[in-house]
């Protein structure tokens, strides 16, 4: 019984990873603003660029959390 539960969990994790990859691919292909939202931090100096898209990460996390909650309740 435990192996079946583990198999389902791994399958769900793989599907969620594939879905996240497809969403990120689609966002870059359709020029959606993920990574360039207000609040994303970009620090530039001569030979250094630090980029921290925390608002984009929060939005993606919210979307994935809602999708996961919807799939679990079904």
C-alpha atoms as a PDB file:
ATOM      1  CA  UNK A   1       0.000   0.000   0.000  1.00  0.00           C
ATOM      2  CA  UNK A   2       2.827   2.446   0.814  1.00  0.00           C
ATOM      3  CA  UNK A   3       4.500   1.895  -2.572  1.00  0.00           C
ATOM      4  CA  UNK A   4       1.289   2.830  -4.375  1.00  0.00           C
ATOM      5  CA  UNK A   5       1.041   6.079  -2.400  1.00  0.00           C
ATOM      6  CA  UNK A   6       4.691   6.889  -3.103  1.00  0.00           C
ATOM      7  CA  UNK A   7       4.174   6.199  -6.799  1.00  0.00           C
ATOM      8  CA  UNK A   8       1.185   8.565  -6.903  1.00  0.00           C
ATOM      9  CA  UNK A   9       3.151  11.256  -5.081  1.00  0.00           C
ATOM     10  CA  UNK A  10       6.088  10.966  -7.483  1.00  0.00           C
ATOM     11  CA  UNK A  11       3.764  11.048 -10.469  1.00  0.00           C
ATOM     12  CA  UNK A  12       2.027  14.160  -9.134  1.00  0.00           C
ATOM     13  CA  UNK A  13       5.377  15.845  -8.436  1.00  0.00           C
ATOM     14  CA  UNK A  14       6.531  15.068 -11.970  1.00  0.00           C
ATOM     15  CA  UNK A  15       3.337  16.417 -13.489  1.00  0.00           C
ATOM     16  CA  UNK A  16       3.550  19.598 -11.423  1.00  0.00           C
ATOM     17  CA  UNK A  17       7.185  20.079 -12.478  1.00  0.00           C
ATOM     18  CA  UNK A  18       6.231  19.605 -16.127  1.00  0.00           C
ATOM     19  CA  UNK A  19       3.353  22.046 -15.721  1.00  0.00           C
ATOM     20  CA  UNK A  20       5.622  24.644 -14.121  1.00  0.00           C
ATOM     21  CA  UNK A  21       8.124  24.231 -16.959  1.00  0.00           C
ATOM     22  CA  UNK A  22       5.386  24.588 -19.567  1.00  0.00           C
ATOM     23  CA  UNK A  23       4.086  27.736 -17.886  1.00  0.00           C
ATOM     24  CA  UNK A  24       7.530  29.306 -17.745  1.00  0.00           C
ATOM     25  CA  UNK A  25       8.193  28.366 -21.363  1.00  0.00           C
ATOM     26  CA  UNK A  26       4.849  29.872 -22.416  1.00  0.00           C
ATOM     27  CA  UNK A  27       5.531  33.026 -20.386  1.00  0.00           C
ATOM     28  CA  UNK A  28       8.836  33.578 -22.151  1.00  0.00           C
ATOM     29  CA  UNK A  29       7.414  32.748 -25.571  1.00  0.00           C
ATOM     30  CA  UNK A  30       4.401  35.061 -25.211  1.00  0.00           C
ATOM     31  CA  UNK A  31       6.483  37.814 -23.567  1.00  0.00           C
ATOM     32  CA  UNK A  32       4.485  37.764 -20.333  1.00  0.00           C
ATOM     33  CA  UNK A  33       5.909  40.053 -17.651  1.00  0.00           C
ATOM     34  CA  UNK A  34       7.123  37.285 -15.285  1.00  0.00           C
ATOM     35  CA  UNK A  35      10.537  38.375 -14.107  1.00  0.00           C
ATOM     36  CA  UNK A  36       9.924  42.003 -15.011  1.00  0.00           C
ATOM     37  CA  UNK A  37       7.136  42.915 -12.589  1.00  0.00           C
ATOM     38  CA  UNK A  38       7.248  45.982 -10.348  1.00  0.00           C
ATOM     39  CA  UNK A  39       9.042  44.962  -7.173  1.00  0.00           C
ATOM     40  CA  UNK A  40      11.501  42.580  -8.843  1.00  0.00           C
ATOM     41  CA  UNK A  41      14.972  43.606  -7.710  1.00  0.00           C
ATOM     42  CA  UNK A  42      17.771  44.276 -10.212  1.00  0.00           C
ATOM     43  CA  UNK A  43      21.147  45.552  -8.987  1.00  0.00           C
ATOM     44  CA  UNK A  44      23.646  46.515 -11.682  1.00  0.00           C
ATOM     45  CA  UNK A  45      27.261  47.616 -11.386  1.00  0.00           C
ATOM     46  CA  UNK A  46      30.141  47.564 -13.843  1.00  0.00           C
ATOM     47  CA  UNK A  47      30.745  43.817 -14.085  1.00  0.00           C
ATOM     48  CA  UNK A  48      27.990  42.571 -11.773  1.00  0.00           C
ATOM     49  CA  UNK A  49      24.266  42.103 -12.143  1.00  0.00           C
ATOM     50  CA  UNK A  50      22.188  40.638  -9.325  1.00  0.00           C
ATOM     51  CA  UNK A  51      18.627  39.798 -10.217  1.00  0.00           C
ATOM     52  CA  UNK A  52      16.020  38.694  -7.662  1.00  0.00           C
ATOM     53  CA  UNK A  53      12.474  38.404  -9.079  1.00  0.00           C
ATOM     54  CA  UNK A  54      10.685  38.016  -5.744  1.00  0.00           C
ATOM     55  CA  UNK A  55       7.320  39.457  -6.871  1.00  0.00           C
ATOM     56  CA  UNK A  56       7.289  37.099  -9.859  1.00  0.00           C
ATOM     57  CA  UNK A  57       8.156  34.169  -7.578  1.00  0.00           C
ATOM     58  CA  UNK A  58       5.314  35.090  -5.210  1.00  0.00           C
ATOM     59  CA  UNK A  59       2.843  35.267  -8.082  1.00  0.00           C
ATOM     60  CA  UNK A  60       3.957  31.940  -9.548  1.00  0.00           C
ATOM     61  CA  UNK A  61       3.828  30.355  -6.073  1.00  0.00           C
ATOM     62  CA  UNK A  62       0.293  31.631  -5.561  1.00  0.00           C
ATOM     63  CA  UNK A  63      -0.865  30.284  -8.927  1.00  0.00           C
ATOM     64  CA  UNK A  64       0.735  26.871  -8.342  1.00  0.00           C
ATOM     65  CA  UNK A  65      -0.651  26.685  -4.789  1.00  0.00           C
ATOM     66  CA  UNK A  66      -4.160  27.374  -6.035  1.00  0.00           C
ATOM     67  CA  UNK A  67      -3.809  24.750  -8.763  1.00  0.00           C
ATOM     68  CA  UNK A  68      -2.473  22.179  -6.311  1.00  0.00           C
ATOM     69  CA  UNK A  69      -5.286  22.900  -3.854  1.00  0.00           C
ATOM     70  CA  UNK A  70      -7.811  22.497  -6.675  1.00  0.00           C
ATOM     71  CA  UNK A  71      -6.280  19.147  -7.739  1.00  0.00           C
ATOM     72  CA  UNK A  72      -6.172  17.817  -4.163  1.00  0.00           C
ATOM     73  CA  UNK A  73      -9.819  18.696  -3.478  1.00  0.00           C
ATOM     74  CA  UNK A  74     -10.964  16.820  -6.601  1.00  0.00           C
END
